[in-house]
Amino acid sequence: MGEIRKTYDIEFKRKAVAMFLEEGLGYKTVAKTLGIDDRMVRRWVAHYEREGIEGLKEKRGTSTGSKNGRPKKAKTLEEEVLRLRAENALLKKLWELQRGQEQSDVKPTKPSKR
């Protein structure tokens, strides 16, 4: 069976990062004080330095994009509709121009007299 992963709230992570960055304690000292693995402290510090407080937020279970079977957000759908309408209008214009050019290239023939 898989290992159950414990999650820590953002305040706990912030405290661990502050102990390391502000108090100058080492990774292992912070980890031992809080009863966690020192690799977690390293990871949280790295995330904090890269992304700020946002880097400490839980990311598991959150989706950044549309998955199969899940509806897209309304704003995304509206943007797609506008893009497709513009694309259709452009294609219609091109088709009309091409059709007009083909008609001017083909000269009408006079009916033959028999």
PDB file of N, CA and C in Angstrom:
ATOM      1  N   MET A   1       0.842  -1.189   0.000  1.00  0.00           N
ATOM      2  CA  MET A   1       0.000   0.000   0.000  1.00  0.00           C
ATOM      3  C   MET A   1       0.880   1.242   0.000  1.00  0.00           C
ATOM      4  N   GLY A   2       0.355   2.342  -0.542  1.00  0.00           N
ATOM      5  CA  GLY A   2       1.109   3.588  -0.610  1.00  0.00           C
ATOM      6  C   GLY A   2       1.171   4.292   0.730  1.00  0.00           C
ATOM      7  N   GLU A   3       2.171   5.106   0.859  1.00  0.00           N
ATOM      8  CA  GLU A   3       2.362   5.867   2.093  1.00  0.00           C
ATOM      9  C   GLU A   3       1.403   7.057   2.101  1.00  0.00           C
ATOM     10  N   ILE A   4       0.768   7.298   3.235  1.00  0.00           N
ATOM     11  CA  ILE A   4      -0.122   8.445   3.367  1.00  0.00           C
ATOM     12  C   ILE A   4       0.724   9.679   3.607  1.00  0.00           C
ATOM     13  N   ARG A   5       0.542  10.670   2.758  1.00  0.00           N
ATOM     14  CA  ARG A   5       1.346  11.886   2.857  1.00  0.00           C
ATOM     15  C   ARG A   5       0.652  12.891   3.762  1.00  0.00           C
ATOM     16  N   LYS A   6       1.393  13.414   4.686  1.00  0.00           N
ATOM     17  CA  LYS A   6       0.867  14.432   5.594  1.00  0.00           C
ATOM     18  C   LYS A   6       0.990  15.785   4.920  1.00  0.00           C
ATOM     19  N   THR A   7      -0.027  16.598   5.095  1.00  0.00           N
ATOM     20  CA  THR A   7       0.039  17.953   4.553  1.00  0.00           C
ATOM     21  C   THR A   7       0.166  18.939   5.705  1.00  0.00           C
ATOM     22  N   TYR A   8       0.837  20.020   5.433  1.00  0.00           N
ATOM     23  CA  TYR A   8       1.057  21.057   6.441  1.00  0.00           C
ATOM     24  C   TYR A   8       0.448  22.352   5.932  1.00  0.00           C
ATOM     25  N   ASP A   9      -0.181  23.093   6.859  1.00  0.00           N
ATOM     26  CA  ASP A   9      -0.791  24.346   6.426  1.00  0.00           C
ATOM     27  C   ASP A   9       0.282  25.390   6.131  1.00  0.00           C
ATOM     28  N   ILE A  10      -0.143  26.423   5.455  1.00  0.00           N
ATOM     29  CA  ILE A  10       0.787  27.448   4.980  1.00  0.00           C
ATOM     30  C   ILE A  10       1.483  28.159   6.143  1.00  0.00           C
ATOM     31  N   GLU A  11       0.797  28.311   7.258  1.00  0.00           N
ATOM     32  CA  GLU A  11       1.396  28.993   8.415  1.00  0.00           C
ATOM     33  C   GLU A  11       2.545  28.169   9.004  1.00  0.00           C
ATOM     34  N   PHE A  12       2.367  26.866   9.060  1.00  0.00           N
ATOM     35  CA  PHE A  12       3.424  25.978   9.554  1.00  0.00           C
ATOM     36  C   PHE A  12       4.655  26.060   8.644  1.00  0.00           C
ATOM     37  N   LYS A  13       4.403  26.035   7.330  1.00  0.00           N
ATOM     38  CA  LYS A  13       5.507  26.129   6.365  1.00  0.00           C
ATOM     39  C   LYS A  13       6.214  27.479   6.485  1.00  0.00           C
ATOM     40  N   ARG A  14       5.425  28.549   6.649  1.00  0.00           N
ATOM     41  CA  ARG A  14       5.996  29.890   6.776  1.00  0.00           C
ATOM     42  C   ARG A  14       6.879  29.979   8.019  1.00  0.00           C
ATOM     43  N   LYS A  15       6.423  29.332   9.103  1.00  0.00           N
ATOM     44  CA  LYS A  15       7.203  29.325  10.344  1.00  0.00           C
ATOM     45  C   LYS A  15       8.542  28.617  10.128  1.00  0.00           C
ATOM     46  N   ALA A  16       8.524  27.478   9.444  1.00  0.00           N
ATOM     47  CA  ALA A  16       9.757  26.734   9.176  1.00  0.00           C
ATOM     48  C   ALA A  16      10.712  27.566   8.330  1.00  0.00           C
ATOM     49  N   VAL A  17      10.184  28.227   7.309  1.00  0.00           N
ATOM     50  CA  VAL A  17      11.012  29.069   6.430  1.00  0.00           C
ATOM     51  C   VAL A  17      11.597  30.234   7.222  1.00  0.00           C
ATOM     52  N   ALA A  18      10.780  30.845   8.087  1.00  0.00           N
ATOM     53  CA  ALA A  18      11.253  31.975   8.897  1.00  0.00           C
ATOM     54  C   ALA A  18      12.352  31.535   9.863  1.00  0.00           C
ATOM     55  N   MET A  19      12.209  30.359  10.442  1.00  0.00           N
ATOM     56  CA  MET A  19      13.245  29.861  11.355  1.00  0.00           C
ATOM     57  C   MET A  19      14.577  29.723  10.614  1.00  0.00           C
ATOM     58  N   PHE A  20      14.513  29.289   9.374  1.00  0.00           N
ATOM     59  CA  PHE A  20      15.737  29.119   8.596  1.00  0.00           C
ATOM     60  C   PHE A  20      16.288  30.465   8.119  1.00  0.00           C
ATOM     61  N   LEU A  21      15.438  31.275   7.487  1.00  0.00           N
ATOM     62  CA  LEU A  21      15.916  32.517   6.868  1.00  0.00           C
ATOM     63  C   LEU A  21      16.160  33.645   7.873  1.00  0.00           C
ATOM     64  N   GLU A  22      15.252  33.811   8.830  1.00  0.00           N
ATOM     65  CA  GLU A  22      15.338  34.958   9.733  1.00  0.00           C
ATOM     66  C   GLU A  22      16.138  34.662  11.003  1.00  0.00           C
ATOM     67  N   GLU A  23      15.974  33.457  11.526  1.00  0.00           N
ATOM     68  CA  GLU A  23      16.680  33.107  12.760  1.00  0.00           C
ATOM     69  C   GLU A  23      18.041  32.482  12.484  1.00  0.00           C
ATOM     70  N   GLY A  24      18.279  32.113  11.237  1.00  0.00           N
ATOM     71  CA  GLY A  24      19.578  31.565  10.871  1.00  0.00           C
ATOM     72  C   GLY A  24      19.815  30.135  11.310  1.00  0.00           C
ATOM     73  N   LEU A  25      18.757  29.422  11.659  1.00  0.00           N
ATOM     74  CA  LEU A  25      18.911  28.021  12.053  1.00  0.00           C
ATOM     75  C   LEU A  25      19.157  27.166  10.814  1.00  0.00           C
ATOM     76  N   GLY A  26      19.800  26.031  10.978  1.00  0.00           N
ATOM     77  CA  GLY A  26      20.062  25.121   9.865  1.00  0.00           C
ATOM     78  C   GLY A  26      18.834  24.296   9.521  1.00  0.00           C
ATOM     79  N   TYR A  27      18.876  23.664   8.340  1.00  0.00           N
ATOM     80  CA  TYR A  27      17.758  22.820   7.901  1.00  0.00           C
ATOM     81  C   TYR A  27      17.452  21.732   8.922  1.00  0.00           C
ATOM     82  N   LYS A  28      18.490  21.052   9.388  1.00  0.00           N
ATOM     83  CA  LYS A  28      18.292  19.936  10.317  1.00  0.00           C
ATOM     84  C   LYS A  28      17.768  20.408  11.668  1.00  0.00           C
ATOM     85  N   THR A  29      18.236  21.568  12.120  1.00  0.00           N
ATOM     86  CA  THR A  29      17.771  22.107  13.402  1.00  0.00           C
ATOM     87  C   THR A  29      16.292  22.471  13.311  1.00  0.00           C
ATOM     88  N   VAL A  30      15.915  23.144  12.230  1.00  0.00           N
ATOM     89  CA  VAL A  30      14.501  23.515  12.025  1.00  0.00           C
ATOM     90  C   VAL A  30      13.655  22.248  11.956  1.00  0.00           C
ATOM     91  N   ALA A  31      14.111  21.280  11.174  1.00  0.00           N
ATOM     92  CA  ALA A  31      13.359  20.037  11.005  1.00  0.00           C
ATOM     93  C   ALA A  31      13.180  19.299  12.332  1.00  0.00           C
ATOM     94  N   LYS A  32      14.246  19.216  13.108  1.00  0.00           N
ATOM     95  CA  LYS A  32      14.178  18.513  14.390  1.00  0.00           C
ATOM     96  C   LYS A  32      13.244  19.237  15.352  1.00  0.00           C
ATOM     97  N   THR A  33      13.321  20.572  15.376  1.00  0.00           N
ATOM     98  CA  THR A  33      12.463  21.372  16.254  1.00  0.00           C
ATOM     99  C   THR A  33      10.986  21.159  15.924  1.00  0.00           C
ATOM    100  N   LEU A  34      10.683  21.069  14.624  1.00  0.00           N
ATOM    101  CA  LEU A  34       9.287  20.949  14.193  1.00  0.00           C
ATOM    102  C   LEU A  34       8.833  19.502  13.999  1.00  0.00           C
ATOM    103  N   GLY A  35       9.772  18.566  14.105  1.00  0.00           N
ATOM    104  CA  GLY A  35       9.411  17.156  13.966  1.00  0.00           C
ATOM    105  C   GLY A  35       9.109  16.738  12.534  1.00  0.00           C
ATOM    106  N   ILE A  36       9.849  17.296  11.593  1.00  0.00           N
ATOM    107  CA  ILE A  36       9.653  16.959  10.184  1.00  0.00           C
ATOM    108  C   ILE A  36      11.000  16.614   9.551  1.00  0.00           C
ATOM    109  N   ASP A  37      10.970  16.140   8.335  1.00  0.00           N
ATOM    110  CA  ASP A  37      12.184  15.786   7.605  1.00  0.00           C
ATOM    111  C   ASP A  37      12.871  17.053   7.092  1.00  0.00           C
ATOM    112  N   ASP A  38      14.200  17.070   7.152  1.00  0.00           N
ATOM    113  CA  ASP A  38      14.922  18.280   6.726  1.00  0.00           C
ATOM    114  C   ASP A  38      14.766  18.547   5.225  1.00  0.00           C
ATOM    115  N   ARG A  39      14.455  17.505   4.437  1.00  0.00           N
ATOM    116  CA  ARG A  39      14.235  17.725   2.999  1.00  0.00           C
ATOM    117  C   ARG A  39      13.000  18.583   2.748  1.00  0.00           C
ATOM    118  N   MET A  40      12.011  18.462   3.642  1.00  0.00           N
ATOM    119  CA  MET A  40      10.813  19.302   3.507  1.00  0.00           C
ATOM    120  C   MET A  40      11.173  20.762   3.728  1.00  0.00           C
ATOM    121  N   VAL A  41      11.982  21.021   4.732  1.00  0.00           N
ATOM    122  CA  VAL A  41      12.397  22.398   5.018  1.00  0.00           C
ATOM    123  C   VAL A  41      13.147  22.954   3.812  1.00  0.00           C
ATOM    124  N   ARG A  42      14.065  22.167   3.253  1.00  0.00           N
ATOM    125  CA  ARG A  42      14.816  22.599   2.064  1.00  0.00           C
ATOM    126  C   ARG A  42      13.865  22.941   0.914  1.00  0.00           C
ATOM    127  N   ARG A  43      12.894  22.072   0.694  1.00  0.00           N
ATOM    128  CA  ARG A  43      11.934  22.263  -0.395  1.00  0.00           C
ATOM    129  C   ARG A  43      11.118  23.531  -0.172  1.00  0.00           C
ATOM    130  N   TRP A  44      10.615  23.721   1.050  1.00  0.00           N
ATOM    131  CA  TRP A  44       9.810  24.898   1.342  1.00  0.00           C
ATOM    132  C   TRP A  44      10.611  26.184   1.190  1.00  0.00           C
ATOM    133  N   VAL A  45      11.854  26.177   1.649  1.00  0.00           N
ATOM    134  CA  VAL A  45      12.710  27.364   1.515  1.00  0.00           C
ATOM    135  C   VAL A  45      12.932  27.672   0.035  1.00  0.00           C
ATOM    136  N   ALA A  46      13.214  26.641  -0.759  1.00  0.00           N
ATOM    137  CA  ALA A  46      13.436  26.835  -2.199  1.00  0.00           C
ATOM    138  C   ALA A  46      12.183  27.394  -2.871  1.00  0.00           C
ATOM    139  N   HIS A  47      11.030  26.838  -2.533  1.00  0.00           N
ATOM    140  CA  HIS A  47       9.768  27.323  -3.108  1.00  0.00           C
ATOM    141  C   HIS A  47       9.517  28.772  -2.698  1.00  0.00           C
ATOM    142  N   TYR A  48       9.776  29.071  -1.435  1.00  0.00           N
ATOM    143  CA  TYR A  48       9.561  30.431  -0.932  1.00  0.00           C
ATOM    144  C   TYR A  48      10.484  31.421  -1.637  1.00  0.00           C
ATOM    145  N   GLU A  49      11.737  31.040  -1.819  1.00  0.00           N
ATOM    146  CA  GLU A  49      12.688  31.943  -2.479  1.00  0.00           C
ATOM    147  C   GLU A  49      12.331  32.164  -3.945  1.00  0.00           C
ATOM    148  N   ARG A  50      11.738  31.162  -4.575  1.00  0.00           N
ATOM    149  CA  ARG A  50      11.356  31.271  -5.984  1.00  0.00           C
ATOM    150  C   ARG A  50      10.039  32.011  -6.185  1.00  0.00           C
ATOM    151  N   GLU A  51       9.030  31.693  -5.361  1.00  0.00           N
ATOM    152  CA  GLU A  51       7.669  32.169  -5.607  1.00  0.00           C
ATOM    153  C   GLU A  51       7.069  33.004  -4.479  1.00  0.00           C
ATOM    154  N   GLY A  52       7.810  33.205  -3.414  1.00  0.00           N
ATOM    155  CA  GLY A  52       7.258  33.927  -2.276  1.00  0.00           C
ATOM    156  C   GLY A  52       6.263  33.054  -1.533  1.00  0.00           C
ATOM    157  N   ILE A  53       5.341  33.693  -0.838  1.00  0.00           N
ATOM    158  CA  ILE A  53       4.364  32.964  -0.020  1.00  0.00           C
ATOM    159  C   ILE A  53       3.501  32.034  -0.871  1.00  0.00           C
ATOM    160  N   GLU A  54       3.288  32.389  -2.147  1.00  0.00           N
ATOM    161  CA  GLU A  54       2.507  31.542  -3.056  1.00  0.00           C
ATOM    162  C   GLU A  54       3.151  30.167  -3.224  1.00  0.00           C
ATOM    163  N   GLY A  55       4.468  30.118  -3.135  1.00  0.00           N
ATOM    164  CA  GLY A  55       5.182  28.859  -3.285  1.00  0.00           C
ATOM    165  C   GLY A  55       4.927  27.882  -2.156  1.00  0.00           C
ATOM    166  N   LEU A  56       4.390  28.371  -1.053  1.00  0.00           N
ATOM    167  CA  LEU A  56       4.113  27.502   0.094  1.00  0.00           C
ATOM    168  C   LEU A  56       2.698  26.935   0.069  1.00  0.00           C
ATOM    169  N   LYS A  57       1.868  27.420  -0.838  1.00  0.00           N
ATOM    170  CA  LYS A  57       0.491  26.927  -0.916  1.00  0.00           C
ATOM    171  C   LYS A  57       0.467  25.512  -1.465  1.00  0.00           C
ATOM    172  N   GLU A  58      -0.509  24.744  -1.004  1.00  0.00           N
ATOM    173  CA  GLU A  58      -0.677  23.361  -1.450  1.00  0.00           C
ATOM    174  C   GLU A  58      -1.107  23.358  -2.914  1.00  0.00           C
ATOM    175  N   LYS A  59      -0.396  22.593  -3.731  1.00  0.00           N
ATOM    176  CA  LYS A  59      -0.697  22.562  -5.160  1.00  0.00           C
ATOM    177  C   LYS A  59      -1.342  21.249  -5.591  1.00  0.00           C
ATOM    178  N   ARG A  60      -1.243  20.235  -4.762  1.00  0.00           N
ATOM    179  CA  ARG A  60      -1.847  18.956  -5.139  1.00  0.00           C
ATOM    180  C   ARG A  60      -3.359  19.097  -5.188  1.00  0.00           C
ATOM    181  N   GLY A  61      -3.943  18.503  -6.209  1.00  0.00           N
ATOM    182  CA  GLY A  61      -5.394  18.530  -6.331  1.00  0.00           C
ATOM    183  C   GLY A  61      -5.926  19.753  -7.038  1.00  0.00           C
ATOM    184  N   THR A  62      -5.058  20.701  -7.381  1.00  0.00           N
ATOM    185  CA  THR A  62      -5.517  21.871  -8.118  1.00  0.00           C
ATOM    186  C   THR A  62      -5.130  21.712  -9.571  1.00  0.00           C
ATOM    187  N   SER A  63      -6.020  22.104 -10.429  1.00  0.00           N
ATOM    188  CA  SER A  63      -5.787  21.967 -11.858  1.00  0.00           C
ATOM    189  C   SER A  63      -5.426  23.312 -12.458  1.00  0.00           C
ATOM    190  N   THR A  64      -4.452  23.291 -13.360  1.00  0.00           N
ATOM    191  CA  THR A  64      -4.074  24.538 -14.022  1.00  0.00           C
ATOM    192  C   THR A  64      -4.693  24.638 -15.405  1.00  0.00           C
ATOM    193  N   GLY A  65      -5.245  23.572 -15.902  1.00  0.00           N
ATOM    194  CA  GLY A  65      -5.825  23.589 -17.241  1.00  0.00           C
ATOM    195  C   GLY A  65      -7.035  22.679 -17.306  1.00  0.00           C
ATOM    196  N   SER A  66      -7.644  22.633 -18.456  1.00  0.00           N
ATOM    197  CA  SER A  66      -8.820  21.808 -18.658  1.00  0.00           C
ATOM    198  C   SER A  66      -8.414  20.356 -18.877  1.00  0.00           C
ATOM    199  N   LYS A  67      -9.070  19.475 -18.185  1.00  0.00           N
ATOM    200  CA  LYS A  67      -8.826  18.047 -18.357  1.00  0.00           C
ATOM    201  C   LYS A  67      -9.946  17.491 -19.231  1.00  0.00           C
ATOM    202  N   ASN A  68      -9.719  16.317 -19.789  1.00  0.00           N
ATOM    203  CA  ASN A  68     -10.757  15.687 -20.609  1.00  0.00           C
ATOM    204  C   ASN A  68     -12.012  15.494 -19.778  1.00  0.00           C
ATOM    205  N   GLY A  69     -13.139  15.880 -20.339  1.00  0.00           N
ATOM    206  CA  GLY A  69     -14.401  15.709 -19.657  1.00  0.00           C
ATOM    207  C   GLY A  69     -14.774  16.845 -18.728  1.00  0.00           C
ATOM    208  N   ARG A  70     -13.859  17.761 -18.486  1.00  0.00           N
ATOM    209  CA  ARG A  70     -14.169  18.890 -17.616  1.00  0.00           C
ATOM    210  C   ARG A  70     -14.455  20.113 -18.478  1.00  0.00           C
ATOM    211  N   PRO A  71     -15.514  20.847 -18.150  1.00  0.00           N
ATOM    212  CA  PRO A  71     -15.826  22.028 -18.968  1.00  0.00           C
ATOM    213  C   PRO A  71     -14.783  23.123 -18.793  1.00  0.00           C
ATOM    214  N   LYS A  72     -14.573  23.879 -19.873  1.00  0.00           N
ATOM    215  CA  LYS A  72     -13.654  25.013 -19.807  1.00  0.00           C
ATOM    216  C   LYS A  72     -14.337  26.160 -19.084  1.00  0.00           C
ATOM    217  N   LYS A  73     -13.573  27.082 -18.606  1.00  0.00           N
ATOM    218  CA  LYS A  73     -14.120  28.254 -17.932  1.00  0.00           C
ATOM    219  C   LYS A  73     -14.822  29.135 -18.965  1.00  0.00           C
ATOM    220  N   ALA A  74     -15.834  29.877 -18.526  1.00  0.00           N
ATOM    221  CA  ALA A  74     -16.637  30.703 -19.423  1.00  0.00           C
ATOM    222  C   ALA A  74     -15.784  31.715 -20.181  1.00  0.00           C
ATOM    223  N   LYS A  75     -14.834  32.339 -19.505  1.00  0.00           N
ATOM    224  CA  LYS A  75     -14.004  33.347 -20.166  1.00  0.00           C
ATOM    225  C   LYS A  75     -13.204  32.718 -21.298  1.00  0.00           C
ATOM    226  N   THR A  76     -12.665  31.534 -21.053  1.00  0.00           N
ATOM    227  CA  THR A  76     -11.896  30.833 -22.076  1.00  0.00           C
ATOM    228  C   THR A  76     -12.786  30.485 -23.259  1.00  0.00           C
ATOM    229  N   LEU A  77     -14.009  30.057 -22.985  1.00  0.00           N
ATOM    230  CA  LEU A  77     -14.940  29.723 -24.057  1.00  0.00           C
ATOM    231  C   LEU A  77     -15.314  30.959 -24.865  1.00  0.00           C
ATOM    232  N   GLU A  78     -15.550  32.081 -24.192  1.00  0.00           N
ATOM    233  CA  GLU A  78     -15.883  33.321 -24.898  1.00  0.00           C
ATOM    234  C   GLU A  78     -14.734  33.761 -25.795  1.00  0.00           C
ATOM    235  N   GLU A  79     -13.512  33.650 -25.287  1.00  0.00           N
ATOM    236  CA  GLU A  79     -12.345  34.011 -26.094  1.00  0.00           C
ATOM    237  C   GLU A  79     -12.237  33.107 -27.308  1.00  0.00           C
ATOM    238  N   GLU A  80     -12.514  31.828 -27.126  1.00  0.00           N
ATOM    239  CA  GLU A  80     -12.438  30.889 -28.244  1.00  0.00           C
ATOM    240  C   GLU A  80     -13.508  31.192 -29.283  1.00  0.00           C
ATOM    241  N   VAL A  81     -14.720  31.532 -28.835  1.00  0.00           N
ATOM    242  CA  VAL A  81     -15.799  31.884 -29.759  1.00  0.00           C
ATOM    243  C   VAL A  81     -15.410  33.106 -30.585  1.00  0.00           C
ATOM    244  N   LEU A  82     -14.863  34.134 -29.934  1.00  0.00           N
ATOM    245  CA  LEU A  82     -14.444  35.338 -30.657  1.00  0.00           C
ATOM    246  C   LEU A  82     -13.353  35.021 -31.673  1.00  0.00           C
ATOM    247  N   ARG A  83     -12.406  34.198 -31.285  1.00  0.00           N
ATOM    248  CA  ARG A  83     -11.315  33.826 -32.199  1.00  0.00           C
ATOM    249  C   ARG A  83     -11.855  33.060 -33.397  1.00  0.00           C
ATOM    250  N   LEU A  84     -12.763  32.122 -33.156  1.00  0.00           N
ATOM    251  CA  LEU A  84     -13.328  31.326 -34.243  1.00  0.00           C
ATOM    252  C   LEU A  84     -14.192  32.173 -35.170  1.00  0.00           C
ATOM    253  N   ARG A  85     -14.924  33.132 -34.621  1.00  0.00           N
ATOM    254  CA  ARG A  85     -15.725  34.033 -35.468  1.00  0.00           C
ATOM    255  C   ARG A  85     -14.828  34.859 -36.380  1.00  0.00           C
ATOM    256  N   ALA A  86     -13.737  35.371 -35.821  1.00  0.00           N
ATOM    257  CA  ALA A  86     -12.795  36.152 -36.629  1.00  0.00           C
ATOM    258  C   ALA A  86     -12.168  35.273 -37.707  1.00  0.00           C
ATOM    259  N   GLU A  87     -11.838  34.057 -37.345  1.00  0.00           N
ATOM    260  CA  GLU A  87     -11.251  33.126 -38.314  1.00  0.00           C
ATOM    261  C   GLU A  87     -12.241  32.817 -39.432  1.00  0.00           C
ATOM    262  N   ASN A  88     -13.509  32.597 -39.081  1.00  0.00           N
ATOM    263  CA  ASN A  88     -14.542  32.336 -40.088  1.00  0.00           C
ATOM    264  C   ASN A  88     -14.724  33.525 -41.018  1.00  0.00           C
ATOM    265  N   ALA A  89     -14.742  34.730 -40.464  1.00  0.00           N
ATOM    266  CA  ALA A  89     -14.902  35.928 -41.291  1.00  0.00           C
ATOM    267  C   ALA A  89     -13.746  36.050 -42.277  1.00  0.00           C
ATOM    268  N   LEU A  90     -12.538  35.799 -41.815  1.00  0.00           N
ATOM    269  CA  LEU A  90     -11.363  35.861 -42.689  1.00  0.00           C
ATOM    270  C   LEU A  90     -11.455  34.819 -43.800  1.00  0.00           C
ATOM    271  N   LEU A  91     -11.835  33.608 -43.443  1.00  0.00           N
ATOM    272  CA  LEU A  91     -11.949  32.549 -44.445  1.00  0.00           C
ATOM    273  C   LEU A  91     -13.033  32.858 -45.473  1.00  0.00           C
ATOM    274  N   LYS A  92     -14.141  33.449 -45.033  1.00  0.00           N
ATOM    275  CA  LYS A  92     -15.202  33.838 -45.972  1.00  0.00           C
ATOM    276  C   LYS A  92     -14.694  34.882 -46.959  1.00  0.00           C
ATOM    277  N   LYS A  93     -13.962  35.874 -46.454  1.00  0.00           N
ATOM    278  CA  LYS A  93     -13.399  36.915 -47.327  1.00  0.00           C
ATOM    279  C   LYS A  93     -12.443  36.297 -48.344  1.00  0.00           C
ATOM    280  N   LEU A  94     -11.565  35.430 -47.875  1.00  0.00           N
ATOM    281  CA  LEU A  94     -10.619  34.773 -48.780  1.00  0.00           C
ATOM    282  C   LEU A  94     -11.345  33.954 -49.840  1.00  0.00           C
ATOM    283  N   TRP A  95     -12.377  33.245 -49.418  1.00  0.00           N
ATOM    284  CA  TRP A  95     -13.149  32.428 -50.344  1.00  0.00           C
ATOM    285  C   TRP A  95     -13.817  33.310 -51.394  1.00  0.00           C
ATOM    286  N   GLU A  96     -14.404  34.429 -50.955  1.00  0.00           N
ATOM    287  CA  GLU A  96     -15.056  35.348 -51.892  1.00  0.00           C
ATOM    288  C   GLU A  96     -14.049  35.937 -52.873  1.00  0.00           C
ATOM    289  N   LEU A  97     -12.886  36.333 -52.377  1.00  0.00           N
ATOM    290  CA  LEU A  97     -11.850  36.878 -53.254  1.00  0.00           C
ATOM    291  C   LEU A  97     -11.381  35.836 -54.264  1.00  0.00           C
ATOM    292  N   GLN A  98     -11.165  34.632 -53.797  1.00  0.00           N
ATOM    293  CA  GLN A  98     -10.710  33.568 -54.685  1.00  0.00           C
ATOM    294  C   GLN A  98     -11.780  33.243 -55.724  1.00  0.00           C
ATOM    295  N   ARG A  99     -12.993  33.195 -55.298  1.00  0.00           N
ATOM    296  CA  ARG A  99     -14.108  32.889 -56.198  1.00  0.00           C
ATOM    297  C   ARG A  99     -14.256  33.985 -57.247  1.00  0.00           C
ATOM    298  N   GLY A 100     -14.127  35.248 -56.821  1.00  0.00           N
ATOM    299  CA  GLY A 100     -14.211  36.371 -57.754  1.00  0.00           C
ATOM    300  C   GLY A 100     -13.079  36.346 -58.763  1.00  0.00           C
ATOM    301  N   GLN A 101     -11.897  35.974 -58.338  1.00  0.00           N
ATOM    302  CA  GLN A 101     -10.742  35.911 -59.232  1.00  0.00           C
ATOM    303  C   GLN A 101     -10.916  34.778 -60.241  1.00  0.00           C
ATOM    304  N   GLU A 102     -11.442  33.652 -59.801  1.00  0.00           N
ATOM    305  CA  GLU A 102     -11.664  32.529 -60.711  1.00  0.00           C
ATOM    306  C   GLU A 102     -12.686  32.893 -61.771  1.00  0.00           C
ATOM    307  N   GLN A 103     -13.716  33.635 -61.386  1.00  0.00           N
ATOM    308  CA  GLN A 103     -14.744  34.021 -62.345  1.00  0.00           C
ATOM    309  C   GLN A 103     -14.194  35.006 -63.366  1.00  0.00           C
ATOM    310  N   SER A 104     -13.291  35.888 -62.953  1.00  0.00           N
ATOM    311  CA  SER A 104     -12.725  36.846 -63.902  1.00  0.00           C
ATOM    312  C   SER A 104     -11.710  36.172 -64.818  1.00  0.00           C
ATOM    313  N   ASP A 105     -11.079  35.084 -64.372  1.00  0.00           N
ATOM    314  CA  ASP A 105     -10.134  34.343 -65.207  1.00  0.00           C
ATOM    315  C   ASP A 105     -10.848  33.549 -66.292  1.00  0.00           C
ATOM    316  N   VAL A 106     -12.030  33.089 -65.988  1.00  0.00           N
ATOM    317  CA  VAL A 106     -12.791  32.297 -66.949  1.00  0.00           C
ATOM    318  C   VAL A 106     -13.678  33.253 -67.730  1.00  0.00           C
ATOM    319  N   LYS A 107     -13.414  33.348 -69.030  1.00  0.00           N
ATOM    320  CA  LYS A 107     -14.213  34.242 -69.873  1.00  0.00           C
ATOM    321  C   LYS A 107     -15.466  33.505 -70.301  1.00  0.00           C
ATOM    322  N   PRO A 108     -16.553  34.219 -70.272  1.00  0.00           N
ATOM    323  CA  PRO A 108     -17.788  33.553 -70.684  1.00  0.00           C
ATOM    324  C   PRO A 108     -17.712  33.174 -72.172  1.00  0.00           C
ATOM    325  N   THR A 109     -18.186  32.018 -72.465  1.00  0.00           N
ATOM    326  CA  THR A 109     -18.188  31.568 -73.858  1.00  0.00           C
ATOM    327  C   THR A 109     -19.526  31.895 -74.486  1.00  0.00           C
ATOM    328  N   LYS A 110     -19.439  32.216 -75.771  1.00  0.00           N
ATOM    329  CA  LYS A 110     -20.680  32.499 -76.496  1.00  0.00           C
ATOM    330  C   LYS A 110     -21.269  31.175 -76.943  1.00  0.00           C
ATOM    331  N   PRO A 111     -22.549  31.110 -76.908  1.00  0.00           N
ATOM    332  CA  PRO A 111     -23.169  29.860 -77.380  1.00  0.00           C
ATOM    333  C   PRO A 111     -22.843  29.659 -78.866  1.00  0.00           C
ATOM    334  N   SER A 112     -22.536  28.465 -79.220  1.00  0.00           N
ATOM    335  CA  SER A 112     -22.205  28.188 -80.616  1.00  0.00           C
ATOM    336  C   SER A 112     -23.473  28.117 -81.448  1.00  0.00           C
ATOM    337  N   LYS A 113     -23.341  28.597 -82.685  1.00  0.00           N
ATOM    338  CA  LYS A 113     -24.499  28.558 -83.584  1.00  0.00           C
ATOM    339  C   LYS A 113     -24.349  27.332 -84.456  1.00  0.00           C
ATOM    340  N   ARG A 114     -25.292  26.559 -84.511  1.00  0.00           N
ATOM    341  CA  ARG A 114     -25.252  25.367 -85.341  1.00  0.00           C
ATOM    342  C   ARG A 114     -26.092  25.518 -86.527  1.00  0.00           C
TER     343      ARG A 114
END
